[in-house]
Amino acid sequence: MASGPVINCGSRGVDLQKFIDIASPGQTLRITGNCSGGPYLIDKSLKLVGVNGAATLSAPSVTGGYVLAVTGRVQVELRDFSIDGTGNQAALDIQRGATALVSGLTIPTGKFGIVVEFNSHADIYASSINHLTGTAIYLQHDASATITGNRLEGNLNNVGVAFNSSAVLDANSIRAASNVGVFIGRMSTVILVGNTITQNTGGGVLLQPDYALVAAVDSPNTIELNGNSDVICEDKGIYQADTPAKSSTRRAAIASGCTVKGSIF
């Protein structure tokens, strides 16, 4: 992808959305400063990269709104900047068939952090999403994601996967949610690999109705010290664990309502 000049959002008259609108498909936009003129919409394939992590995107408070959205059948990379989600429904909304590579984002404020929805896919790496009043990463309506090496701590829920969506969670720190660490439901599937899921007040992993599934594979997960229970199953929830030798999740406190099955691998 071609690179462009650095866009300093702190300069008078700079409008990041205008740079997005005139960018050529495949271009890299490098940003710095406080980009406070959102909401921003990306509907073409490009890269948005913070310079030395010194950029923050924000938008005026709008009920049900977002700060940054990626929409349509585009491929976007978002890297190394912060999003202030204060007053909006979501900091980042990936929607309607979009594909996004997300890495090095920081989302310290707001309701929902990253929402992936409506047949979209995201690869989310090495990001920090903490202390939100909603869910840090939420997938819904036929969405999918790989979620790797992120720090998700102190949110209402740290991860949610629902409405026929799927995710692989690999080597994340999922801690101290005021509700649950990971919730899964509505015909959705999550595979857990090498995560630490601990000290979540309402439970470590919650499987909601409609045959949700968790599979813990080769690299062991640590699921412990969560409130209520480490694994909680509502009606028709299925907890599918790997063998005890491969996964410490077998030693987690599993609620009596769970149907526990053996390895699928």
Protein backbone atom coordinates (compact mmCIF):
# COMPACT_ATOMS: atom_id res chain seq x y z
CA MET A 1 0.00 0.00 0.00
CA ALA A 2 1.23 3.47 -0.89
CA SER A 3 2.11 5.84 1.97
CA GLY A 4 1.05 9.42 2.31
CA PRO A 5 2.24 12.36 4.44
CA VAL A 6 1.62 12.60 8.18
CA ILE A 7 -1.78 14.14 8.97
CA ASN A 8 -1.55 16.27 12.12
CA CYS A 9 -5.08 16.46 13.47
CA GLY A 10 -3.94 19.09 15.97
CA SER A 11 -3.39 21.63 13.19
CA ARG A 12 -6.04 24.25 12.48
CA GLY A 13 -8.52 23.28 9.77
CA VAL A 14 -7.39 19.66 9.43
CA ASP A 15 -10.34 17.32 8.79
CA LEU A 16 -9.36 13.65 8.85
CA GLN A 17 -12.57 12.59 7.09
CA LYS A 18 -11.61 14.69 4.06
CA PHE A 19 -8.28 12.87 3.84
CA ILE A 20 -10.13 9.55 4.05
CA ASP A 21 -12.56 10.61 1.34
CA ILE A 22 -9.88 11.65 -1.17
CA ALA A 23 -7.46 8.80 -0.42
CA SER A 24 -6.80 6.32 -3.20
CA PRO A 25 -7.70 2.68 -2.52
CA GLY A 26 -4.69 1.02 -0.92
CA GLN A 27 -3.20 4.25 0.44
CA THR A 28 -1.72 4.57 3.94
CA LEU A 29 -2.86 7.53 6.03
CA ARG A 30 -0.48 8.29 8.90
CA ILE A 31 -2.02 10.31 11.71
CA THR A 32 -0.95 12.15 14.84
CA GLY A 33 -2.59 14.50 17.33
CA ASN A 34 -6.18 14.67 18.60
CA CYS A 35 -8.55 13.82 15.75
CA SER A 36 -11.73 15.09 17.41
CA GLY A 37 -13.90 15.69 14.34
CA GLY A 38 -15.55 12.27 14.18
CA PRO A 39 -17.53 10.23 13.57
CA TYR A 40 -15.27 8.90 10.83
CA LEU A 41 -16.34 6.49 8.09
CA ILE A 42 -14.03 4.31 5.98
CA ASP A 43 -15.67 2.69 2.94
CA LYS A 44 -12.58 1.89 0.88
CA SER A 45 -9.52 -0.30 1.33
CA LEU A 46 -6.73 1.61 3.09
CA LYS A 47 -4.46 1.74 6.14
CA LEU A 48 -4.92 4.15 9.04
CA VAL A 49 -1.76 4.20 11.16
CA GLY A 50 -0.84 6.29 14.19
CA VAL A 51 2.64 7.78 14.20
CA ASN A 52 4.41 6.50 17.32
CA GLY A 53 0.99 5.80 18.83
CA ALA A 54 0.46 9.54 19.27
CA ALA A 55 -3.03 9.88 17.74
CA THR A 56 -6.46 9.80 19.36
CA LEU A 57 -9.78 9.65 17.53
CA SER A 58 -12.95 10.97 19.17
CA ALA A 59 -16.40 12.25 18.27
CA PRO A 60 -19.17 14.27 19.91
CA SER A 61 -21.54 12.22 22.05
CA VAL A 62 -24.27 10.60 19.95
CA THR A 63 -26.66 7.99 21.35
CA GLY A 64 -26.12 4.83 19.31
CA GLY A 65 -23.24 6.41 17.43
CA TYR A 66 -19.64 5.40 16.77
CA VAL A 67 -16.29 7.14 16.57
CA LEU A 68 -14.88 5.13 13.63
CA ALA A 69 -16.76 2.77 11.31
CA VAL A 70 -15.51 0.51 8.52
CA THR A 71 -18.27 -0.55 6.14
CA GLY A 72 -18.77 -2.48 2.92
CA ARG A 73 -16.63 -5.13 1.27
CA VAL A 74 -13.31 -3.43 1.92
CA GLN A 75 -10.00 -4.49 3.50
CA VAL A 76 -8.66 -2.07 6.09
CA GLU A 77 -5.72 -2.01 8.50
CA LEU A 78 -6.02 0.06 11.67
CA ARG A 79 -2.90 0.32 13.77
CA ASP A 80 -1.28 2.13 16.69
CA PHE A 81 -3.72 4.80 17.82
CA SER A 82 -6.28 5.42 20.57
CA ILE A 83 -10.04 5.87 20.35
CA ASP A 84 -11.95 7.84 22.96
CA GLY A 85 -15.44 6.33 22.86
CA THR A 86 -16.98 8.62 25.46
CA GLY A 87 -20.69 9.23 24.82
CA ASN A 88 -20.99 6.87 21.85
CA GLN A 89 -22.31 3.33 21.47
CA ALA A 90 -19.05 2.00 19.97
CA ALA A 91 -15.49 3.21 19.56
CA LEU A 92 -14.96 1.09 16.41
CA ASP A 93 -17.72 -0.54 14.34
CA ILE A 94 -16.71 -3.03 11.59
CA GLN A 95 -19.80 -3.80 9.55
CA ARG A 96 -21.51 -5.02 6.39
CA GLY A 97 -18.94 -7.39 4.96
CA ALA A 98 -15.81 -5.47 5.90
CA THR A 99 -12.49 -7.13 6.73
CA ALA A 100 -10.16 -5.40 9.19
CA LEU A 101 -6.72 -6.02 10.64
CA VAL A 102 -6.62 -4.22 13.99
CA SER A 103 -3.43 -3.99 16.05
CA GLY A 104 -2.03 -1.79 18.76
CA LEU A 105 -5.25 0.07 19.49
CA THR A 106 -6.01 1.54 22.91
CA ILE A 107 -9.64 2.12 23.92
CA PRO A 108 -9.80 3.42 27.52
CA THR A 109 -13.27 5.01 27.60
CA GLY A 110 -16.79 4.49 26.28
CA LYS A 111 -19.44 1.75 26.11
CA PHE A 112 -18.55 -0.86 23.47
CA GLY A 113 -14.96 -1.04 22.29
CA ILE A 114 -14.81 -2.98 18.99
CA VAL A 115 -18.04 -4.23 17.40
CA VAL A 116 -17.82 -6.66 14.47
CA GLU A 117 -21.15 -7.34 12.80
CA PHE A 118 -23.17 -8.25 9.70
CA ASN A 119 -20.89 -10.73 7.91
CA SER A 120 -17.68 -8.88 8.75
CA HIS A 121 -14.35 -10.33 9.90
CA ALA A 122 -11.62 -8.84 12.09
CA ASP A 123 -8.17 -9.95 13.20
CA ILE A 124 -7.58 -8.11 16.48
CA TYR A 125 -4.05 -8.17 17.93
CA ALA A 126 -2.09 -6.60 20.76
CA SER A 127 -4.71 -4.04 21.72
CA SER A 128 -5.74 -2.75 25.14
CA ILE A 129 -9.44 -2.20 25.93
CA ASN A 130 -10.17 -1.45 29.55
CA HIS A 131 -12.80 -0.04 31.90
CA LEU A 132 -15.67 0.34 29.42
CA THR A 133 -19.30 0.37 30.55
CA GLY A 134 -20.25 -2.22 27.91
CA THR A 135 -18.42 -5.08 26.13
CA ALA A 136 -14.81 -4.64 25.03
CA ILE A 137 -15.05 -6.82 21.88
CA TYR A 138 -18.50 -7.82 20.64
CA LEU A 139 -19.36 -9.97 17.61
CA GLN A 140 -22.92 -10.31 16.30
CA HIS A 141 -24.94 -11.24 13.22
CA ASP A 142 -22.71 -13.71 11.33
CA ALA A 143 -19.44 -12.05 12.27
CA SER A 144 -16.08 -13.75 12.84
CA ALA A 145 -12.77 -12.79 14.43
CA THR A 146 -9.40 -13.95 15.61
CA ILE A 147 -8.59 -12.19 18.87
CA THR A 148 -4.95 -12.59 19.87
CA GLY A 149 -2.68 -11.19 22.55
CA ASN A 150 -5.00 -8.46 23.79
CA ARG A 151 -5.44 -6.99 27.26
CA LEU A 152 -9.16 -6.84 28.08
CA GLU A 153 -9.69 -5.85 31.67
CA GLY A 154 -12.28 -4.20 33.90
CA ASN A 155 -15.05 -3.87 31.31
CA LEU A 156 -18.70 -4.79 31.90
CA ASN A 157 -18.05 -7.86 29.72
CA ASN A 158 -14.66 -8.44 28.15
CA VAL A 159 -15.73 -10.50 25.09
CA GLY A 160 -19.16 -11.30 23.65
CA VAL A 161 -19.96 -13.55 20.67
CA ALA A 162 -23.61 -13.90 19.65
CA PHE A 163 -26.15 -14.33 16.86
CA ASN A 164 -24.44 -17.00 14.73
CA SER A 165 -20.91 -15.62 15.09
CA SER A 166 -17.57 -17.30 15.76
CA ALA A 167 -14.22 -16.39 17.26
CA VAL A 168 -10.83 -17.83 18.14
CA LEU A 169 -9.41 -16.32 21.34
CA ASP A 170 -5.67 -16.91 21.67
CA ALA A 171 -3.35 -15.77 24.48
CA ASN A 172 -5.49 -12.90 25.76
CA SER A 173 -5.63 -11.48 29.28
CA ILE A 174 -9.35 -11.44 30.11
CA ARG A 175 -9.69 -10.14 33.66
CA ALA A 176 -11.83 -8.36 36.20
CA ALA A 177 -15.04 -7.82 34.24
CA SER A 178 -17.84 -6.51 36.41
CA ASN A 179 -20.09 -9.07 34.69
CA VAL A 180 -18.47 -11.97 32.74
CA GLY A 181 -15.15 -12.56 31.03
CA VAL A 182 -16.54 -14.21 27.87
CA PHE A 183 -20.18 -14.75 26.94
CA ILE A 184 -21.27 -16.93 24.04
CA GLY A 185 -24.74 -17.51 22.69
CA ARG A 186 -27.27 -17.67 19.88
CA MET A 187 -25.73 -20.49 17.84
CA SER A 188 -22.23 -19.08 18.23
CA THR A 189 -18.87 -20.80 18.65
CA VAL A 190 -15.71 -19.79 20.48
CA ILE A 191 -12.40 -21.65 20.57
CA LEU A 192 -10.17 -20.78 23.53
CA VAL A 193 -6.40 -21.26 23.27
CA GLY A 194 -3.94 -20.20 25.97
CA ASN A 195 -6.00 -17.42 27.53
CA THR A 196 -5.99 -16.22 31.12
CA ILE A 197 -9.60 -15.71 32.23
CA THR A 198 -9.69 -14.74 35.86
CA GLN A 199 -11.28 -12.53 38.54
CA ASN A 200 -14.39 -11.77 36.47
CA THR A 201 -17.15 -10.98 38.96
CA GLY A 202 -20.10 -12.69 37.25
CA GLY A 203 -18.21 -15.70 35.89
CA GLY A 204 -15.36 -16.66 33.62
CA VAL A 205 -17.18 -18.07 30.58
CA LEU A 206 -20.97 -17.87 30.19
CA LEU A 207 -22.61 -20.09 27.57
CA GLN A 208 -26.04 -18.75 26.79
CA PRO A 209 -28.85 -20.84 25.20
CA ASP A 210 -28.94 -22.36 21.70
CA TYR A 211 -26.05 -24.80 21.89
CA ALA A 212 -23.10 -22.49 22.37
CA LEU A 213 -19.75 -24.29 22.30
CA VAL A 214 -16.34 -23.73 23.84
CA ALA A 215 -13.39 -25.86 22.78
CA ALA A 216 -10.13 -25.56 24.69
CA VAL A 217 -7.21 -26.87 22.66
CA ASP A 218 -3.51 -27.68 22.79
CA SER A 219 -2.19 -24.60 24.61
CA PRO A 220 -3.81 -24.60 28.07
CA ASN A 221 -6.14 -21.88 29.28
CA THR A 222 -6.14 -20.64 32.84
CA ILE A 223 -9.77 -20.16 33.90
CA GLU A 224 -9.90 -19.61 37.64
CA LEU A 225 -10.88 -17.40 40.54
CA ASN A 226 -14.01 -16.09 38.81
CA GLY A 227 -17.22 -15.21 40.64
CA ASN A 228 -20.24 -17.54 40.49
CA SER A 229 -18.36 -20.20 38.52
CA ASP A 230 -15.52 -20.41 36.04
CA VAL A 231 -17.81 -21.87 33.35
CA ILE A 232 -21.57 -21.26 33.47
CA CYS A 233 -24.09 -22.85 31.09
CA GLU A 234 -27.61 -21.61 30.60
CA ASP A 235 -30.24 -23.82 28.94
CA LYS A 236 -28.71 -26.01 26.18
CA GLY A 237 -25.18 -24.66 26.66
CA ILE A 238 -22.43 -27.16 25.83
CA TYR A 239 -18.93 -26.88 27.25
CA GLN A 240 -16.62 -28.93 25.06
CA ALA A 241 -13.20 -29.27 26.65
CA ASP A 242 -9.98 -30.79 25.44
CA THR A 243 -8.34 -33.62 27.37
CA PRO A 244 -7.11 -32.90 30.91
CA ALA A 245 -3.50 -33.34 29.83
CA LYS A 246 -3.81 -30.52 27.33
CA SER A 247 -6.01 -27.98 29.05
CA SER A 248 -6.20 -26.64 32.56
CA THR A 249 -9.80 -25.63 31.83
CA ARG A 250 -10.72 -29.19 32.80
CA ARG A 251 -9.84 -28.18 36.34
CA ALA A 252 -11.99 -25.09 36.24
CA ALA A 253 -15.12 -24.86 38.35
CA ILE A 254 -17.83 -25.91 35.88
CA ALA A 255 -21.44 -25.25 36.83
CA SER A 256 -23.75 -28.25 37.11
CA GLY A 257 -25.97 -27.07 34.24
CA CYS A 258 -23.23 -27.64 31.66
CA THR A 259 -23.14 -30.57 29.26
CA VAL A 260 -19.43 -31.41 29.16
CA LYS A 261 -18.09 -33.32 26.18
CA GLY A 262 -14.65 -34.57 25.18
CA SER A 263 -12.18 -33.25 22.66
CA ILE A 264 -13.18 -32.52 19.07
CA PHE A 265 -9.55 -32.54 17.92
